[in-house]
Amino acid sequence: AAIFSEAEVKVEVIDENNFPPVFPSSLLEESLAENLPATQIVQLKAQDNDTGRNGFLTYGILNAHGLKFRINETTGILYSNATFDYEEEPTEYQVVVYAEDDGIPEKKRGYCTVVIKITD
């Protein structure tokens, strides 16, 4: 006689963190007038094709040039944090911004370089 039993098995499928965040362009150029108080420069928006927390992005800066720049980690808006003088070097800054997902088992990052030119 064949003996068999039934058991209910619950399977939870955890979505792999397949995709890194991607910026529409890896290089942006923005102008910033001299002598401005701290101001909004540009809003950066990356795309992540993962769902859930694997696609939830936060933004950060790799090099803020001595805190001359900051980014809102939720909105991706890049701000100047200082007043710039065109007559003082440098007149151009390269700020490397990243978007990081909240992926499991590892977070993935995408990068965008923003070239900020101080104008006279």
N, C-alpha and C. Protein backbone atom coordinates (compact mmCIF):
# COMPACT_ATOMS: atom_id res chain seq x y z
N ALA A 1 0.85 -1.19 0.00
CA ALA A 1 0.00 0.00 0.00
C ALA A 1 0.88 1.23 0.00
N ALA A 2 0.53 2.16 -0.84
CA ALA A 2 1.30 3.40 -0.91
C ALA A 2 0.89 4.33 0.22
N ILE A 3 1.90 4.88 0.87
CA ILE A 3 1.63 5.82 1.96
C ILE A 3 2.06 7.20 1.51
N PHE A 4 1.17 8.15 1.62
CA PHE A 4 1.59 9.53 1.33
C PHE A 4 0.92 10.47 2.31
N SER A 5 1.56 11.58 2.51
CA SER A 5 0.96 12.59 3.38
C SER A 5 1.08 13.95 2.70
N GLU A 6 0.20 14.81 3.08
CA GLU A 6 0.23 16.15 2.52
C GLU A 6 0.73 17.12 3.57
N ALA A 7 1.52 18.09 3.11
CA ALA A 7 1.95 19.15 4.01
C ALA A 7 1.84 20.46 3.27
N GLU A 8 1.44 21.49 4.00
CA GLU A 8 1.36 22.80 3.37
C GLU A 8 2.70 23.50 3.54
N VAL A 9 3.25 23.94 2.45
CA VAL A 9 4.55 24.60 2.50
C VAL A 9 4.38 26.05 2.02
N LYS A 10 4.88 26.97 2.85
CA LYS A 10 4.82 28.37 2.42
C LYS A 10 6.17 28.76 1.84
N VAL A 11 6.13 29.35 0.66
CA VAL A 11 7.36 29.78 0.03
C VAL A 11 7.29 31.29 -0.16
N GLU A 12 8.28 32.00 0.38
CA GLU A 12 8.33 33.44 0.15
C GLU A 12 9.43 33.70 -0.86
N VAL A 13 9.04 34.32 -1.96
CA VAL A 13 10.02 34.62 -2.99
C VAL A 13 10.58 36.01 -2.73
N ILE A 14 11.87 36.07 -2.53
CA ILE A 14 12.51 37.36 -2.32
C ILE A 14 13.13 37.79 -3.63
N ASP A 15 12.73 38.96 -4.05
CA ASP A 15 13.21 39.48 -5.32
C ASP A 15 14.70 39.79 -5.24
N GLU A 16 15.45 39.30 -6.18
CA GLU A 16 16.88 39.61 -6.24
C GLU A 16 17.06 41.09 -6.56
N ASN A 17 18.12 41.65 -6.03
CA ASN A 17 18.47 43.02 -6.40
C ASN A 17 19.26 42.93 -7.71
N ASN A 18 18.52 42.96 -8.83
CA ASN A 18 19.14 42.71 -10.13
C ASN A 18 19.80 43.93 -10.74
N PHE A 19 19.22 45.09 -10.51
CA PHE A 19 19.64 46.27 -11.27
C PHE A 19 20.26 47.34 -10.39
N PRO A 20 21.34 47.93 -10.87
CA PRO A 20 21.86 49.10 -10.18
C PRO A 20 21.05 50.33 -10.61
N PRO A 21 21.03 51.36 -9.78
CA PRO A 21 20.38 52.61 -10.21
C PRO A 21 21.14 53.19 -11.41
N VAL A 22 20.41 53.80 -12.32
CA VAL A 22 21.02 54.38 -13.50
C VAL A 22 20.54 55.82 -13.67
N PHE A 23 21.49 56.73 -13.86
CA PHE A 23 21.13 58.11 -14.18
C PHE A 23 20.94 58.21 -15.70
N PRO A 24 20.01 59.07 -16.14
CA PRO A 24 19.78 59.22 -17.58
C PRO A 24 21.06 59.61 -18.32
N SER A 25 21.91 60.37 -17.65
CA SER A 25 23.19 60.76 -18.23
C SER A 25 24.25 60.64 -17.16
N SER A 26 25.43 60.17 -17.52
CA SER A 26 26.48 60.00 -16.51
C SER A 26 27.29 61.29 -16.33
N LEU A 27 26.99 62.29 -17.18
CA LEU A 27 27.70 63.56 -17.08
C LEU A 27 26.72 64.70 -17.33
N LEU A 28 26.68 65.65 -16.40
CA LEU A 28 25.81 66.82 -16.54
C LEU A 28 26.66 68.07 -16.39
N GLU A 29 26.29 69.11 -17.12
CA GLU A 29 26.96 70.39 -16.94
C GLU A 29 25.95 71.41 -16.47
N GLU A 30 26.28 72.11 -15.40
CA GLU A 30 25.40 73.13 -14.87
C GLU A 30 26.20 74.40 -14.63
N SER A 31 25.52 75.54 -14.79
CA SER A 31 26.17 76.82 -14.50
C SER A 31 25.67 77.32 -13.15
N LEU A 32 26.55 78.01 -12.45
CA LEU A 32 26.20 78.59 -11.15
C LEU A 32 26.78 80.00 -11.12
N ALA A 33 25.91 80.98 -10.98
CA ALA A 33 26.38 82.37 -10.97
C ALA A 33 27.16 82.63 -9.69
N GLU A 34 28.19 83.46 -9.81
CA GLU A 34 28.98 83.79 -8.63
C GLU A 34 28.15 84.65 -7.67
N ASN A 35 28.61 84.71 -6.44
CA ASN A 35 28.02 85.56 -5.39
C ASN A 35 26.58 85.22 -5.02
N LEU A 36 26.12 84.03 -5.40
CA LEU A 36 24.79 83.61 -4.98
C LEU A 36 24.87 83.02 -3.59
N PRO A 37 23.83 83.25 -2.77
CA PRO A 37 23.77 82.48 -1.52
C PRO A 37 23.51 81.01 -1.85
N ALA A 38 23.54 80.17 -0.85
CA ALA A 38 23.30 78.74 -1.06
C ALA A 38 22.02 78.57 -1.88
N THR A 39 22.09 77.78 -2.93
CA THR A 39 20.97 77.70 -3.86
C THR A 39 20.85 76.32 -4.48
N GLN A 40 19.66 76.04 -5.02
CA GLN A 40 19.43 74.77 -5.71
C GLN A 40 20.12 74.82 -7.07
N ILE A 41 20.85 73.77 -7.40
CA ILE A 41 21.55 73.72 -8.69
C ILE A 41 20.79 72.86 -9.69
N VAL A 42 20.51 71.62 -9.32
CA VAL A 42 19.84 70.72 -10.26
C VAL A 42 19.24 69.56 -9.46
N GLN A 43 18.13 69.02 -9.96
CA GLN A 43 17.55 67.82 -9.36
C GLN A 43 17.98 66.60 -10.18
N LEU A 44 18.60 65.66 -9.51
CA LEU A 44 19.06 64.44 -10.17
C LEU A 44 18.05 63.33 -9.91
N LYS A 45 17.82 62.54 -10.95
CA LYS A 45 16.84 61.47 -10.80
C LYS A 45 17.40 60.22 -11.46
N ALA A 46 17.59 59.19 -10.66
CA ALA A 46 18.05 57.91 -11.20
C ALA A 46 16.86 56.96 -11.30
N GLN A 47 17.01 55.96 -12.15
CA GLN A 47 15.97 54.93 -12.31
C GLN A 47 16.54 53.60 -11.81
N ASP A 48 15.67 52.84 -11.15
CA ASP A 48 16.06 51.49 -10.75
C ASP A 48 14.92 50.56 -11.11
N ASN A 49 15.22 49.54 -11.89
CA ASN A 49 14.16 48.65 -12.37
C ASN A 49 13.76 47.56 -11.38
N ASP A 50 14.35 47.59 -10.18
CA ASP A 50 13.94 46.64 -9.17
C ASP A 50 12.67 47.14 -8.46
N THR A 51 11.97 46.19 -7.83
CA THR A 51 10.76 46.56 -7.10
C THR A 51 11.06 46.65 -5.60
N GLY A 52 10.15 47.26 -4.88
CA GLY A 52 10.26 47.31 -3.43
C GLY A 52 11.53 48.01 -2.97
N ARG A 53 12.07 47.52 -1.87
CA ARG A 53 13.24 48.19 -1.30
C ARG A 53 14.46 48.09 -2.20
N ASN A 54 14.48 47.10 -3.09
CA ASN A 54 15.60 46.99 -4.03
C ASN A 54 15.61 48.16 -5.02
N GLY A 55 14.48 48.83 -5.15
CA GLY A 55 14.40 49.97 -6.05
C GLY A 55 14.26 51.29 -5.33
N PHE A 56 14.36 51.24 -4.00
CA PHE A 56 14.22 52.47 -3.20
C PHE A 56 15.57 53.19 -3.16
N LEU A 57 15.61 54.43 -3.67
CA LEU A 57 16.89 55.10 -3.85
C LEU A 57 17.14 56.21 -2.85
N THR A 58 18.39 56.29 -2.42
CA THR A 58 18.84 57.47 -1.69
C THR A 58 20.04 58.03 -2.43
N TYR A 59 20.22 59.34 -2.30
CA TYR A 59 21.26 60.05 -3.04
C TYR A 59 22.35 60.54 -2.09
N GLY A 60 23.55 60.59 -2.63
CA GLY A 60 24.68 61.09 -1.83
C GLY A 60 25.74 61.66 -2.75
N ILE A 61 26.76 62.26 -2.12
CA ILE A 61 27.86 62.88 -2.85
C ILE A 61 29.16 62.20 -2.44
N LEU A 62 29.99 61.88 -3.42
CA LEU A 62 31.31 61.30 -3.11
C LEU A 62 32.31 62.38 -2.75
N ASN A 63 32.23 63.53 -3.42
CA ASN A 63 33.19 64.60 -3.12
C ASN A 63 32.47 65.93 -3.08
N ALA A 64 32.35 66.50 -1.88
CA ALA A 64 31.59 67.74 -1.71
C ALA A 64 32.51 68.96 -1.74
N HIS A 65 33.81 68.75 -2.06
CA HIS A 65 34.77 69.86 -2.13
C HIS A 65 34.74 70.68 -0.84
N GLY A 66 34.99 70.01 0.28
CA GLY A 66 34.98 70.73 1.54
C GLY A 66 33.61 71.28 1.88
N LEU A 67 32.59 70.47 1.65
CA LEU A 67 31.20 70.82 1.97
C LEU A 67 30.67 72.03 1.22
N LYS A 68 31.23 72.30 0.04
CA LYS A 68 30.70 73.39 -0.78
C LYS A 68 29.38 72.99 -1.44
N PHE A 69 29.11 71.68 -1.47
CA PHE A 69 27.88 71.18 -2.09
C PHE A 69 27.22 70.16 -1.17
N ARG A 70 25.90 70.06 -1.28
CA ARG A 70 25.18 69.02 -0.54
C ARG A 70 24.03 68.53 -1.41
N ILE A 71 23.54 67.34 -1.09
CA ILE A 71 22.41 66.79 -1.84
C ILE A 71 21.36 66.32 -0.85
N ASN A 72 20.10 66.52 -1.22
CA ASN A 72 19.01 65.97 -0.41
C ASN A 72 18.91 64.48 -0.73
N GLU A 73 19.09 63.66 0.27
CA GLU A 73 19.21 62.21 -0.01
C GLU A 73 17.90 61.60 -0.50
N THR A 74 16.79 62.28 -0.27
CA THR A 74 15.49 61.76 -0.71
C THR A 74 15.09 62.29 -2.08
N THR A 75 15.25 63.61 -2.29
CA THR A 75 14.75 64.23 -3.52
C THR A 75 15.79 64.25 -4.63
N GLY A 76 17.08 64.09 -4.28
CA GLY A 76 18.13 64.15 -5.30
C GLY A 76 18.45 65.57 -5.75
N ILE A 77 17.99 66.57 -4.99
CA ILE A 77 18.29 67.95 -5.37
C ILE A 77 19.68 68.32 -4.85
N LEU A 78 20.52 68.80 -5.79
CA LEU A 78 21.88 69.21 -5.46
C LEU A 78 21.88 70.71 -5.19
N TYR A 79 22.49 71.09 -4.07
CA TYR A 79 22.55 72.49 -3.67
C TYR A 79 23.99 72.94 -3.54
N SER A 80 24.20 74.23 -3.76
CA SER A 80 25.48 74.81 -3.34
C SER A 80 25.33 75.14 -1.86
N ASN A 81 26.42 75.08 -1.15
CA ASN A 81 26.40 75.31 0.30
C ASN A 81 27.21 76.54 0.63
N ALA A 82 27.70 77.22 -0.39
CA ALA A 82 28.63 78.31 -0.18
C ALA A 82 28.42 79.34 -1.28
N THR A 83 29.06 80.49 -1.11
CA THR A 83 29.05 81.52 -2.15
C THR A 83 30.36 81.40 -2.91
N PHE A 84 30.28 81.46 -4.23
CA PHE A 84 31.46 81.29 -5.06
C PHE A 84 31.86 82.62 -5.70
N ASP A 85 33.15 82.77 -5.89
CA ASP A 85 33.68 83.98 -6.52
C ASP A 85 34.38 83.57 -7.80
N TYR A 86 33.92 84.12 -8.92
CA TYR A 86 34.48 83.75 -10.22
C TYR A 86 35.96 84.10 -10.30
N GLU A 87 36.37 85.14 -9.60
CA GLU A 87 37.76 85.58 -9.67
C GLU A 87 38.70 84.65 -8.88
N GLU A 88 38.13 83.79 -8.07
CA GLU A 88 38.96 82.86 -7.31
C GLU A 88 38.94 81.49 -7.96
N GLU A 89 40.08 80.83 -7.96
CA GLU A 89 40.13 79.46 -8.48
C GLU A 89 39.47 78.52 -7.49
N PRO A 90 38.91 77.41 -7.94
CA PRO A 90 38.66 77.08 -9.34
C PRO A 90 37.33 77.66 -9.80
N THR A 91 37.14 77.73 -11.10
CA THR A 91 35.86 78.20 -11.62
C THR A 91 35.01 77.01 -12.10
N GLU A 92 35.51 75.82 -11.84
CA GLU A 92 34.77 74.62 -12.24
C GLU A 92 34.95 73.54 -11.19
N TYR A 93 33.86 72.89 -10.83
CA TYR A 93 33.89 71.82 -9.84
C TYR A 93 33.27 70.57 -10.45
N GLN A 94 33.84 69.44 -10.13
CA GLN A 94 33.23 68.17 -10.53
C GLN A 94 32.71 67.49 -9.26
N VAL A 95 31.42 67.34 -9.20
CA VAL A 95 30.78 66.72 -8.05
C VAL A 95 30.25 65.36 -8.49
N VAL A 96 30.72 64.32 -7.84
CA VAL A 96 30.26 62.97 -8.19
C VAL A 96 29.11 62.59 -7.25
N VAL A 97 27.94 62.42 -7.86
CA VAL A 97 26.74 62.08 -7.11
C VAL A 97 26.45 60.59 -7.32
N TYR A 98 25.96 59.95 -6.28
CA TYR A 98 25.55 58.55 -6.46
C TYR A 98 24.10 58.37 -6.01
N ALA A 99 23.46 57.38 -6.61
CA ALA A 99 22.16 56.90 -6.15
C ALA A 99 22.40 55.48 -5.66
N GLU A 100 21.88 55.18 -4.49
CA GLU A 100 22.10 53.85 -3.89
C GLU A 100 20.75 53.23 -3.59
N ASP A 101 20.57 51.98 -4.01
CA ASP A 101 19.31 51.31 -3.68
C ASP A 101 19.42 50.65 -2.31
N ASP A 102 18.31 50.15 -1.82
CA ASP A 102 18.27 49.55 -0.49
C ASP A 102 18.24 48.04 -0.61
N GLY A 103 19.00 47.54 -1.57
CA GLY A 103 18.89 46.14 -1.97
C GLY A 103 19.44 45.14 -0.96
N ILE A 104 18.91 43.92 -1.10
CA ILE A 104 19.39 42.78 -0.34
C ILE A 104 19.90 41.77 -1.36
N PRO A 105 21.00 41.09 -1.17
CA PRO A 105 21.89 41.18 0.00
C PRO A 105 22.86 42.36 -0.05
N GLU A 106 22.98 43.01 -1.19
CA GLU A 106 23.90 44.13 -1.22
C GLU A 106 23.26 45.31 -1.91
N LYS A 107 23.65 46.49 -1.46
CA LYS A 107 23.16 47.70 -2.08
C LYS A 107 23.96 47.95 -3.36
N LYS A 108 23.28 48.49 -4.36
CA LYS A 108 23.97 48.82 -5.61
C LYS A 108 23.93 50.32 -5.82
N ARG A 109 24.96 50.83 -6.49
CA ARG A 109 25.07 52.26 -6.73
C ARG A 109 25.20 52.58 -8.21
N GLY A 110 24.67 53.74 -8.58
CA GLY A 110 24.92 54.32 -9.89
C GLY A 110 25.51 55.70 -9.68
N TYR A 111 26.26 56.18 -10.65
CA TYR A 111 26.99 57.44 -10.48
C TYR A 111 26.70 58.44 -11.59
N CYS A 112 26.81 59.70 -11.23
CA CYS A 112 26.67 60.78 -12.20
C CYS A 112 27.64 61.89 -11.80
N THR A 113 28.41 62.38 -12.76
CA THR A 113 29.31 63.49 -12.48
C THR A 113 28.65 64.79 -12.93
N VAL A 114 28.55 65.72 -11.99
CA VAL A 114 27.98 67.03 -12.31
C VAL A 114 29.12 68.04 -12.37
N VAL A 115 29.32 68.60 -13.56
CA VAL A 115 30.34 69.63 -13.73
C VAL A 115 29.66 70.98 -13.50
N ILE A 116 30.11 71.68 -12.48
CA ILE A 116 29.49 72.96 -12.12
C ILE A 116 30.45 74.07 -12.48
N LYS A 117 30.00 74.93 -13.41
CA LYS A 117 30.84 76.03 -13.86
C LYS A 117 30.37 77.32 -13.20
N ILE A 118 31.29 77.97 -12.51
CA ILE A 118 30.99 79.26 -11.89
C ILE A 118 31.04 80.33 -12.97
N THR A 119 29.96 81.10 -13.07
CA THR A 119 29.93 82.14 -14.12
C THR A 119 30.10 83.52 -13.53
N ASP A 120 30.66 84.39 -14.35
CA ASP A 120 30.99 85.75 -13.93
C ASP A 120 29.74 86.61 -13.86
